[in-house]
Amino acid sequence: MKEEQNDTGTRFSLWLVPDAKANDVLRDIIHRLSLEYQSPFFEPHITLASSSTHSYESMEAITKELATSWQPLELMLTEVTYTPTFYQSLMIRVPAKTGLLSVRKKVLKGLGVDNGHWIPHVSLLYKELEVEEKKNIINRIGDRFDLAFKPDKVYLMNTSGRPEKWSPMKLFPLPV
C-alpha cells in the first residue's frame, strides 16, 4: 500500500470492541474505577494497532478491510493484572489465540510495520498508582474474569493526546 503521510500528528488506533454483554460488565467497572480514582473514562476495547504516521484515509481503508474480511472470533477475558505502563496500568488479559494473532498480523501488514511486542488486553484503569494500590483494586474486583465474548465492532479512533480527548472517527460492525 502506498502510504499517504499523516502531517497533522494525529494518532489513529483500531479498537476491537466486545459484544454488548461483556461491554456492559467492563464499562461498569471502568466507570466506577474512573470515578473512584479521578482517572479518564474510556470505552472497553482491545487496541489492535496505532499509528501517528498513517493518514486517516489509509487507516480507514485498513479498518474497512478488517471489517469486510472478519471471521467471527470468540475471545476470553482471563487474568486481571497490572503493569507500570499508564495505558496498561490495570488490565484484563486476553489470551493471544491464533485467530486474534492473525487479525493483528493482517492489520500490521496493512500498516507496513513489523509485529512488535503486544499484550492483548482490555484496560480497566489509566492511572499512575503504586503497586500496592493496584493489588488492592484486584483484591476488590477479583483476579480472574473468565468471560467469553465476541467482538462485534471495530472503531477507527482518534487517540491523539490524553484519553479525555479521544474520539471515534468511524465504526465498522463485525459479523458475530
N, C-alpha and C. Protein backbone atom coordinates (compact mmCIF):
# COMPACT_ATOMS: atom_id res chain seq x y z
N MET A 1 0.84 -1.17 0.00
CA MET A 1 0.00 0.00 0.00
C MET A 1 0.88 1.23 0.00
N LYS A 2 0.67 2.13 -0.95
CA LYS A 2 1.41 3.39 -0.99
C LYS A 2 0.88 4.26 0.15
N GLU A 3 1.78 4.78 0.94
CA GLU A 3 1.39 5.48 2.15
C GLU A 3 1.27 6.98 1.95
N GLU A 4 0.13 7.53 2.35
CA GLU A 4 -0.02 8.97 2.45
C GLU A 4 0.43 9.33 3.86
N GLN A 5 1.32 10.30 3.97
CA GLN A 5 1.81 10.69 5.28
C GLN A 5 0.75 11.45 6.06
N ASN A 6 0.75 11.27 7.35
CA ASN A 6 -0.10 12.00 8.26
C ASN A 6 0.70 13.20 8.72
N ASP A 7 0.43 14.36 8.16
CA ASP A 7 1.17 15.57 8.51
C ASP A 7 0.57 16.31 9.69
N THR A 8 -0.53 15.82 10.21
CA THR A 8 -1.22 16.52 11.29
C THR A 8 -0.74 16.08 12.67
N GLY A 9 0.01 14.99 12.75
CA GLY A 9 0.43 14.47 14.05
C GLY A 9 -0.69 13.72 14.76
N THR A 10 -1.77 13.47 14.05
CA THR A 10 -2.91 12.76 14.63
C THR A 10 -2.55 11.29 14.82
N ARG A 11 -2.91 10.75 15.97
CA ARG A 11 -2.70 9.33 16.25
C ARG A 11 -4.03 8.61 16.07
N PHE A 12 -4.00 7.59 15.23
CA PHE A 12 -5.18 6.77 14.99
C PHE A 12 -4.96 5.39 15.59
N SER A 13 -6.03 4.79 16.09
CA SER A 13 -5.96 3.45 16.66
C SER A 13 -7.15 2.63 16.17
N LEU A 14 -6.94 1.33 16.05
CA LEU A 14 -8.01 0.40 15.71
C LEU A 14 -8.37 -0.35 16.98
N TRP A 15 -9.64 -0.22 17.37
CA TRP A 15 -10.13 -0.85 18.59
C TRP A 15 -11.13 -1.93 18.27
N LEU A 16 -10.87 -3.14 18.77
CA LEU A 16 -11.89 -4.19 18.77
C LEU A 16 -12.75 -3.99 20.01
N VAL A 17 -14.06 -4.02 19.83
CA VAL A 17 -14.98 -3.75 20.93
C VAL A 17 -15.76 -5.01 21.27
N PRO A 18 -15.80 -5.37 22.56
CA PRO A 18 -16.54 -6.57 22.97
C PRO A 18 -18.04 -6.44 22.69
N ASP A 19 -18.70 -7.58 22.57
CA ASP A 19 -20.15 -7.61 22.39
C ASP A 19 -20.84 -6.95 23.58
N ALA A 20 -22.15 -6.70 23.44
CA ALA A 20 -22.90 -5.91 24.42
C ALA A 20 -22.81 -6.45 25.84
N LYS A 21 -22.92 -7.76 26.01
CA LYS A 21 -22.90 -8.35 27.36
C LYS A 21 -21.57 -8.06 28.07
N ALA A 22 -20.48 -8.38 27.42
CA ALA A 22 -19.16 -8.14 28.02
C ALA A 22 -18.90 -6.64 28.14
N ASN A 23 -19.33 -5.89 27.15
CA ASN A 23 -19.12 -4.44 27.16
C ASN A 23 -19.79 -3.81 28.37
N ASP A 24 -21.01 -4.23 28.69
CA ASP A 24 -21.72 -3.67 29.84
C ASP A 24 -20.97 -3.94 31.14
N VAL A 25 -20.49 -5.16 31.31
CA VAL A 25 -19.74 -5.53 32.51
C VAL A 25 -18.47 -4.68 32.62
N LEU A 26 -17.72 -4.61 31.53
CA LEU A 26 -16.46 -3.87 31.54
C LEU A 26 -16.67 -2.37 31.70
N ARG A 27 -17.65 -1.85 31.00
CA ARG A 27 -17.94 -0.41 31.05
C ARG A 27 -18.28 0.00 32.48
N ASP A 28 -19.03 -0.82 33.20
CA ASP A 28 -19.38 -0.53 34.58
C ASP A 28 -18.13 -0.47 35.46
N ILE A 29 -17.24 -1.41 35.30
CA ILE A 29 -16.01 -1.43 36.11
C ILE A 29 -15.14 -0.22 35.78
N ILE A 30 -14.95 0.04 34.49
CA ILE A 30 -14.13 1.19 34.07
C ILE A 30 -14.73 2.48 34.61
N HIS A 31 -16.04 2.61 34.53
CA HIS A 31 -16.71 3.82 35.01
C HIS A 31 -16.51 4.00 36.53
N ARG A 32 -16.74 2.93 37.28
CA ARG A 32 -16.58 3.02 38.74
C ARG A 32 -15.14 3.37 39.12
N LEU A 33 -14.17 2.72 38.47
CA LEU A 33 -12.77 3.00 38.78
C LEU A 33 -12.38 4.42 38.38
N SER A 34 -12.89 4.88 37.23
CA SER A 34 -12.54 6.24 36.80
C SER A 34 -13.08 7.28 37.78
N LEU A 35 -14.26 7.04 38.34
CA LEU A 35 -14.81 7.96 39.34
C LEU A 35 -14.01 7.89 40.64
N GLU A 36 -13.75 6.68 41.08
CA GLU A 36 -13.04 6.49 42.35
C GLU A 36 -11.63 7.07 42.32
N TYR A 37 -10.94 6.90 41.18
CA TYR A 37 -9.54 7.31 41.08
C TYR A 37 -9.35 8.59 40.28
N GLN A 38 -10.47 9.26 39.95
CA GLN A 38 -10.42 10.50 39.17
C GLN A 38 -9.49 10.36 37.97
N SER A 39 -9.78 9.31 37.21
CA SER A 39 -8.99 8.99 36.03
C SER A 39 -9.90 9.04 34.80
N PRO A 40 -9.32 9.03 33.61
CA PRO A 40 -10.14 9.12 32.41
C PRO A 40 -11.07 7.92 32.22
N PHE A 41 -12.28 8.21 31.77
CA PHE A 41 -13.19 7.15 31.36
C PHE A 41 -12.93 6.87 29.88
N PHE A 42 -13.01 5.59 29.50
CA PHE A 42 -12.83 5.18 28.11
C PHE A 42 -13.69 3.95 27.88
N GLU A 43 -14.00 3.70 26.64
CA GLU A 43 -14.81 2.54 26.28
C GLU A 43 -13.96 1.27 26.33
N PRO A 44 -14.54 0.14 26.73
CA PRO A 44 -13.80 -1.13 26.72
C PRO A 44 -13.36 -1.47 25.30
N HIS A 45 -12.12 -1.92 25.18
CA HIS A 45 -11.59 -2.24 23.85
C HIS A 45 -10.28 -3.01 23.95
N ILE A 46 -9.93 -3.63 22.84
CA ILE A 46 -8.60 -4.21 22.64
C ILE A 46 -7.97 -3.40 21.51
N THR A 47 -6.87 -2.76 21.78
CA THR A 47 -6.18 -2.00 20.73
C THR A 47 -5.40 -2.96 19.85
N LEU A 48 -5.78 -3.02 18.58
CA LEU A 48 -5.06 -3.88 17.63
C LEU A 48 -3.79 -3.23 17.15
N ALA A 49 -3.85 -1.92 16.89
CA ALA A 49 -2.69 -1.20 16.37
C ALA A 49 -2.96 0.29 16.47
N SER A 50 -1.89 1.07 16.48
CA SER A 50 -1.97 2.53 16.47
C SER A 50 -0.90 3.07 15.54
N SER A 51 -1.17 4.26 15.01
CA SER A 51 -0.19 4.90 14.13
C SER A 51 -0.37 6.41 14.16
N SER A 52 0.74 7.12 14.20
CA SER A 52 0.70 8.57 14.05
C SER A 52 1.34 8.98 12.73
N THR A 53 1.70 8.00 11.91
CA THR A 53 2.31 8.31 10.62
C THR A 53 1.39 8.04 9.44
N HIS A 54 0.33 7.31 9.64
CA HIS A 54 -0.60 6.98 8.56
C HIS A 54 -1.73 8.00 8.49
N SER A 55 -2.19 8.27 7.29
CA SER A 55 -3.29 9.20 7.09
C SER A 55 -4.60 8.57 7.53
N TYR A 56 -5.60 9.43 7.71
CA TYR A 56 -6.93 8.94 8.03
C TYR A 56 -7.41 7.99 6.95
N GLU A 57 -7.21 8.36 5.70
CA GLU A 57 -7.68 7.55 4.58
C GLU A 57 -7.07 6.16 4.57
N SER A 58 -5.79 6.06 4.83
CA SER A 58 -5.16 4.74 4.84
C SER A 58 -5.61 3.92 6.05
N MET A 59 -5.78 4.57 7.20
CA MET A 59 -6.26 3.86 8.39
C MET A 59 -7.71 3.41 8.19
N GLU A 60 -8.51 4.24 7.54
CA GLU A 60 -9.89 3.87 7.26
C GLU A 60 -9.93 2.66 6.32
N ALA A 61 -9.07 2.65 5.30
CA ALA A 61 -9.04 1.53 4.34
C ALA A 61 -8.64 0.23 5.05
N ILE A 62 -7.67 0.31 5.94
CA ILE A 62 -7.22 -0.88 6.69
C ILE A 62 -8.35 -1.38 7.61
N THR A 63 -9.04 -0.46 8.26
CA THR A 63 -10.13 -0.82 9.16
C THR A 63 -11.28 -1.43 8.37
N LYS A 64 -11.60 -0.85 7.23
CA LYS A 64 -12.68 -1.37 6.40
C LYS A 64 -12.34 -2.78 5.90
N GLU A 65 -11.09 -2.99 5.49
CA GLU A 65 -10.66 -4.32 5.04
C GLU A 65 -10.77 -5.34 6.17
N LEU A 66 -10.39 -4.94 7.37
CA LEU A 66 -10.52 -5.82 8.54
C LEU A 66 -11.98 -6.20 8.74
N ALA A 67 -12.87 -5.22 8.69
CA ALA A 67 -14.30 -5.49 8.93
C ALA A 67 -14.91 -6.35 7.84
N THR A 68 -14.56 -6.12 6.59
CA THR A 68 -15.18 -6.88 5.49
C THR A 68 -14.65 -8.31 5.41
N SER A 69 -13.46 -8.55 5.92
CA SER A 69 -12.91 -9.90 5.88
C SER A 69 -13.03 -10.63 7.23
N TRP A 70 -13.70 -10.00 8.18
CA TRP A 70 -13.80 -10.53 9.55
C TRP A 70 -14.47 -11.89 9.59
N GLN A 71 -13.84 -12.81 10.31
CA GLN A 71 -14.42 -14.11 10.63
C GLN A 71 -14.74 -14.09 12.13
N PRO A 72 -15.97 -14.44 12.52
CA PRO A 72 -16.32 -14.38 13.94
C PRO A 72 -15.28 -15.09 14.81
N LEU A 73 -15.01 -14.47 15.93
CA LEU A 73 -13.92 -14.90 16.79
C LEU A 73 -14.38 -14.78 18.24
N GLU A 74 -14.24 -15.86 19.00
CA GLU A 74 -14.56 -15.81 20.43
C GLU A 74 -13.27 -15.61 21.20
N LEU A 75 -13.27 -14.60 22.05
CA LEU A 75 -12.11 -14.29 22.88
C LEU A 75 -12.51 -14.47 24.34
N MET A 76 -11.51 -14.52 25.20
CA MET A 76 -11.76 -14.76 26.62
C MET A 76 -11.01 -13.72 27.45
N LEU A 77 -11.72 -13.12 28.38
CA LEU A 77 -11.09 -12.28 29.39
C LEU A 77 -10.64 -13.21 30.50
N THR A 78 -9.39 -13.10 30.93
CA THR A 78 -8.89 -14.03 31.94
C THR A 78 -8.34 -13.28 33.15
N GLU A 79 -7.05 -13.24 33.28
CA GLU A 79 -6.37 -12.74 34.47
C GLU A 79 -6.37 -11.21 34.54
N VAL A 80 -6.70 -10.68 35.71
CA VAL A 80 -6.56 -9.24 35.98
C VAL A 80 -5.14 -9.02 36.47
N THR A 81 -4.47 -8.07 35.84
CA THR A 81 -3.08 -7.81 36.19
C THR A 81 -2.77 -6.33 36.01
N TYR A 82 -1.52 -5.97 36.20
CA TYR A 82 -1.11 -4.57 36.08
C TYR A 82 0.30 -4.49 35.52
N THR A 83 0.64 -3.32 35.01
CA THR A 83 1.99 -3.04 34.56
C THR A 83 2.33 -1.61 35.01
N PRO A 84 3.59 -1.20 34.89
CA PRO A 84 3.92 0.20 35.20
C PRO A 84 3.53 1.17 34.08
N THR A 85 3.07 0.64 32.95
CA THR A 85 2.70 1.47 31.81
C THR A 85 1.34 2.11 32.06
N PHE A 86 1.23 3.42 31.82
CA PHE A 86 0.00 4.17 32.07
C PHE A 86 -1.21 3.51 31.40
N TYR A 87 -1.09 3.15 30.12
CA TYR A 87 -2.22 2.60 29.37
C TYR A 87 -2.45 1.11 29.63
N GLN A 88 -1.62 0.52 30.46
CA GLN A 88 -1.84 -0.87 30.90
C GLN A 88 -1.75 -0.94 32.42
N SER A 89 -2.09 0.15 33.04
CA SER A 89 -1.98 0.26 34.49
C SER A 89 -2.70 -0.87 35.21
N LEU A 90 -3.95 -1.09 34.83
CA LEU A 90 -4.74 -2.20 35.36
C LEU A 90 -5.53 -2.75 34.19
N MET A 91 -5.41 -4.06 33.96
CA MET A 91 -5.99 -4.63 32.74
C MET A 91 -6.39 -6.08 32.94
N ILE A 92 -7.19 -6.56 31.98
CA ILE A 92 -7.55 -7.97 31.94
C ILE A 92 -6.92 -8.56 30.70
N ARG A 93 -6.16 -9.61 30.88
CA ARG A 93 -5.52 -10.26 29.74
C ARG A 93 -6.53 -10.96 28.84
N VAL A 94 -6.22 -10.97 27.56
CA VAL A 94 -6.98 -11.71 26.57
C VAL A 94 -5.98 -12.66 25.90
N PRO A 95 -6.06 -13.97 26.17
CA PRO A 95 -5.08 -14.88 25.58
C PRO A 95 -4.99 -14.70 24.06
N ALA A 96 -3.76 -14.72 23.58
CA ALA A 96 -3.47 -14.49 22.16
C ALA A 96 -3.75 -15.75 21.35
N LYS A 97 -5.02 -15.97 21.06
CA LYS A 97 -5.41 -17.12 20.25
C LYS A 97 -4.96 -16.88 18.81
N THR A 98 -4.86 -17.97 18.07
CA THR A 98 -4.41 -17.91 16.68
C THR A 98 -5.22 -16.91 15.87
N GLY A 99 -6.54 -16.91 16.01
CA GLY A 99 -7.39 -16.00 15.25
C GLY A 99 -7.09 -14.55 15.54
N LEU A 100 -6.89 -14.21 16.81
CA LEU A 100 -6.59 -12.85 17.20
C LEU A 100 -5.22 -12.43 16.67
N LEU A 101 -4.25 -13.33 16.76
CA LEU A 101 -2.92 -13.03 16.25
C LEU A 101 -2.93 -12.83 14.74
N SER A 102 -3.74 -13.61 14.05
CA SER A 102 -3.86 -13.46 12.59
C SER A 102 -4.46 -12.12 12.22
N VAL A 103 -5.46 -11.69 12.98
CA VAL A 103 -6.09 -10.39 12.74
C VAL A 103 -5.05 -9.28 12.92
N ARG A 104 -4.32 -9.35 14.02
CA ARG A 104 -3.31 -8.31 14.28
C ARG A 104 -2.24 -8.32 13.19
N LYS A 105 -1.79 -9.50 12.81
CA LYS A 105 -0.76 -9.61 11.77
C LYS A 105 -1.23 -8.97 10.46
N LYS A 106 -2.48 -9.21 10.12
CA LYS A 106 -3.06 -8.64 8.90
C LYS A 106 -3.10 -7.11 8.98
N VAL A 107 -3.50 -6.58 10.13
CA VAL A 107 -3.55 -5.13 10.32
C VAL A 107 -2.14 -4.54 10.22
N LEU A 108 -1.19 -5.17 10.88
CA LEU A 108 0.18 -4.66 10.85
C LEU A 108 0.77 -4.72 9.44
N LYS A 109 0.43 -5.77 8.71
CA LYS A 109 0.88 -5.87 7.32
C LYS A 109 0.32 -4.71 6.50
N GLY A 110 -0.96 -4.40 6.71
CA GLY A 110 -1.57 -3.26 6.03
C GLY A 110 -0.90 -1.95 6.38
N LEU A 111 -0.41 -1.85 7.61
CA LEU A 111 0.29 -0.65 8.05
C LEU A 111 1.75 -0.64 7.60
N GLY A 112 2.22 -1.80 7.14
CA GLY A 112 3.61 -1.89 6.72
C GLY A 112 4.59 -1.87 7.87
N VAL A 113 4.17 -2.44 9.01
CA VAL A 113 5.06 -2.48 10.18
C VAL A 113 5.23 -3.91 10.66
N ASP A 114 6.30 -4.13 11.42
CA ASP A 114 6.57 -5.46 11.96
C ASP A 114 5.70 -5.73 13.18
N ASN A 115 5.57 -7.00 13.49
CA ASN A 115 4.81 -7.44 14.65
C ASN A 115 5.66 -7.26 15.90
N GLY A 116 5.52 -6.10 16.54
CA GLY A 116 6.25 -5.83 17.76
C GLY A 116 5.63 -6.52 18.95
N HIS A 117 6.19 -6.27 20.12
CA HIS A 117 5.66 -6.85 21.36
C HIS A 117 4.23 -6.37 21.57
N TRP A 118 3.34 -7.28 21.89
CA TRP A 118 1.93 -6.95 22.09
C TRP A 118 1.35 -7.83 23.16
N ILE A 119 0.65 -7.22 24.09
CA ILE A 119 -0.06 -7.96 25.13
C ILE A 119 -1.54 -7.70 24.91
N PRO A 120 -2.27 -8.66 24.32
CA PRO A 120 -3.71 -8.44 24.14
C PRO A 120 -4.39 -8.29 25.50
N HIS A 121 -5.17 -7.22 25.65
CA HIS A 121 -5.79 -6.94 26.93
C HIS A 121 -6.93 -5.95 26.76
N VAL A 122 -7.74 -5.85 27.79
CA VAL A 122 -8.73 -4.79 27.93
C VAL A 122 -8.33 -4.02 29.18
N SER A 123 -8.00 -2.76 29.01
CA SER A 123 -7.62 -1.93 30.16
C SER A 123 -8.85 -1.62 31.00
N LEU A 124 -8.61 -1.48 32.30
CA LEU A 124 -9.67 -1.11 33.24
C LEU A 124 -9.44 0.27 33.84
N LEU A 125 -8.18 0.71 33.85
CA LEU A 125 -7.84 1.96 34.51
C LEU A 125 -6.58 2.54 33.89
N TYR A 126 -6.64 3.83 33.58
CA TYR A 126 -5.45 4.58 33.14
C TYR A 126 -5.10 5.53 34.28
N LYS A 127 -4.12 5.14 35.07
CA LYS A 127 -3.74 5.96 36.23
C LYS A 127 -2.40 5.47 36.75
N GLU A 128 -1.54 6.39 37.10
CA GLU A 128 -0.29 6.01 37.75
C GLU A 128 -0.58 5.79 39.23
N LEU A 129 -0.43 4.54 39.64
CA LEU A 129 -0.69 4.17 41.03
C LEU A 129 0.45 3.31 41.54
N GLU A 130 0.60 3.29 42.84
CA GLU A 130 1.57 2.40 43.46
C GLU A 130 1.11 0.95 43.28
N VAL A 131 2.05 0.04 43.23
CA VAL A 131 1.75 -1.38 43.04
C VAL A 131 0.77 -1.87 44.11
N GLU A 132 0.96 -1.46 45.34
CA GLU A 132 0.07 -1.91 46.42
C GLU A 132 -1.37 -1.50 46.16
N GLU A 133 -1.58 -0.30 45.63
CA GLU A 133 -2.94 0.15 45.34
C GLU A 133 -3.55 -0.68 44.20
N LYS A 134 -2.74 -1.01 43.20
CA LYS A 134 -3.23 -1.86 42.11
C LYS A 134 -3.62 -3.24 42.65
N LYS A 135 -2.81 -3.77 43.55
CA LYS A 135 -3.14 -5.06 44.16
C LYS A 135 -4.43 -4.98 44.97
N ASN A 136 -4.63 -3.86 45.67
CA ASN A 136 -5.87 -3.66 46.44
C ASN A 136 -7.09 -3.66 45.52
N ILE A 137 -6.97 -3.00 44.38
CA ILE A 137 -8.09 -2.97 43.42
C ILE A 137 -8.39 -4.38 42.94
N ILE A 138 -7.35 -5.13 42.60
CA ILE A 138 -7.53 -6.50 42.12
C ILE A 138 -8.20 -7.35 43.21
N ASN A 139 -7.80 -7.15 44.46
CA ASN A 139 -8.44 -7.89 45.55
C ASN A 139 -9.93 -7.57 45.64
N ARG A 140 -10.31 -6.33 45.33
CA ARG A 140 -11.72 -5.92 45.40
C ARG A 140 -12.54 -6.43 44.21
N ILE A 141 -11.97 -6.33 43.00
CA ILE A 141 -12.75 -6.70 41.81
C ILE A 141 -12.57 -8.15 41.39
N GLY A 142 -11.55 -8.81 41.94
CA GLY A 142 -11.26 -10.20 41.60
C GLY A 142 -10.10 -10.29 40.63
N ASP A 143 -9.38 -11.39 40.71
CA ASP A 143 -8.17 -11.53 39.88
C ASP A 143 -8.41 -12.32 38.59
N ARG A 144 -9.66 -12.79 38.40
CA ARG A 144 -10.00 -13.52 37.17
C ARG A 144 -11.39 -13.12 36.71
N PHE A 145 -11.57 -13.15 35.41
CA PHE A 145 -12.89 -12.86 34.85
C PHE A 145 -13.48 -14.08 34.17
N ASP A 146 -12.68 -14.77 33.36
CA ASP A 146 -13.16 -15.95 32.64
C ASP A 146 -14.50 -15.68 31.96
N LEU A 147 -14.53 -14.59 31.21
CA LEU A 147 -15.72 -14.16 30.48
C LEU A 147 -15.44 -14.22 28.99
N ALA A 148 -16.19 -15.04 28.28
CA ALA A 148 -16.02 -15.16 26.82
C ALA A 148 -16.83 -14.06 26.14
N PHE A 149 -16.32 -13.58 25.03
CA PHE A 149 -17.05 -12.58 24.25
C PHE A 149 -16.63 -12.65 22.80
N LYS A 150 -17.49 -12.09 21.95
CA LYS A 150 -17.18 -11.97 20.53
C LYS A 150 -17.15 -10.50 20.18
N PRO A 151 -16.03 -10.00 19.68
CA PRO A 151 -16.02 -8.61 19.23
C PRO A 151 -17.10 -8.41 18.16
N ASP A 152 -17.88 -7.32 18.30
CA ASP A 152 -18.94 -7.10 17.33
C ASP A 152 -18.81 -5.79 16.56
N LYS A 153 -17.71 -5.06 16.82
CA LYS A 153 -17.43 -3.86 16.05
C LYS A 153 -15.96 -3.51 16.18
N VAL A 154 -15.49 -2.76 15.21
CA VAL A 154 -14.14 -2.21 15.27
C VAL A 154 -14.27 -0.71 15.03
N TYR A 155 -13.63 0.05 15.88
CA TYR A 155 -13.62 1.51 15.76
C TYR A 155 -12.28 1.97 15.21
N LEU A 156 -12.34 2.94 14.33
CA LEU A 156 -11.17 3.72 13.98
C LEU A 156 -11.25 4.94 14.89
N MET A 157 -10.29 5.07 15.78
CA MET A 157 -10.32 6.10 16.81
C MET A 157 -9.23 7.15 16.57
N ASN A 158 -9.53 8.37 16.91
CA ASN A 158 -8.51 9.40 17.03
C ASN A 158 -8.05 9.33 18.48
N THR A 159 -6.82 8.85 18.69
CA THR A 159 -6.30 8.71 20.05
C THR A 159 -5.13 9.67 20.28
N SER A 160 -5.27 10.86 19.71
CA SER A 160 -4.26 11.90 19.93
C SER A 160 -4.45 12.50 21.31
N GLY A 161 -3.36 12.78 21.98
CA GLY A 161 -3.43 13.45 23.28
C GLY A 161 -3.92 12.54 24.39
N ARG A 162 -4.45 13.17 25.41
CA ARG A 162 -4.93 12.45 26.60
C ARG A 162 -6.23 11.71 26.30
N PRO A 163 -6.54 10.65 27.03
CA PRO A 163 -7.75 9.87 26.78
C PRO A 163 -9.05 10.69 26.77
N GLU A 164 -9.10 11.76 27.54
CA GLU A 164 -10.30 12.59 27.57
C GLU A 164 -10.59 13.20 26.19
N LYS A 165 -9.58 13.31 25.36
CA LYS A 165 -9.71 13.94 24.04
C LYS A 165 -9.97 12.91 22.93
N TRP A 166 -9.87 11.63 23.24
CA TRP A 166 -10.03 10.60 22.21
C TRP A 166 -11.45 10.62 21.66
N SER A 167 -11.57 10.30 20.37
CA SER A 167 -12.90 10.29 19.78
C SER A 167 -12.99 9.26 18.65
N PRO A 168 -14.16 8.65 18.51
CA PRO A 168 -14.34 7.71 17.40
C PRO A 168 -14.44 8.47 16.09
N MET A 169 -13.76 7.94 15.07
CA MET A 169 -13.81 8.53 13.74
C MET A 169 -14.81 7.77 12.86
N LYS A 170 -14.79 6.44 13.01
CA LYS A 170 -15.68 5.63 12.20
C LYS A 170 -15.87 4.28 12.88
N LEU A 171 -17.10 3.77 12.79
CA LEU A 171 -17.46 2.46 13.35
C LEU A 171 -17.73 1.50 12.22
N PHE A 172 -17.18 0.29 12.35
CA PHE A 172 -17.44 -0.78 11.39
C PHE A 172 -18.01 -1.96 12.16
N PRO A 173 -19.27 -2.37 11.88
CA PRO A 173 -19.83 -3.54 12.54
C PRO A 173 -19.10 -4.81 12.07
N LEU A 174 -19.03 -5.79 12.95
CA LEU A 174 -18.41 -7.07 12.63
C LEU A 174 -19.46 -8.17 12.72
N PRO A 175 -19.41 -9.13 11.82
CA PRO A 175 -20.33 -10.26 11.96
C PRO A 175 -19.96 -11.10 13.17
N VAL A 176 -20.96 -11.55 13.89
CA VAL A 176 -20.70 -12.41 15.06
C VAL A 176 -21.34 -13.76 14.81
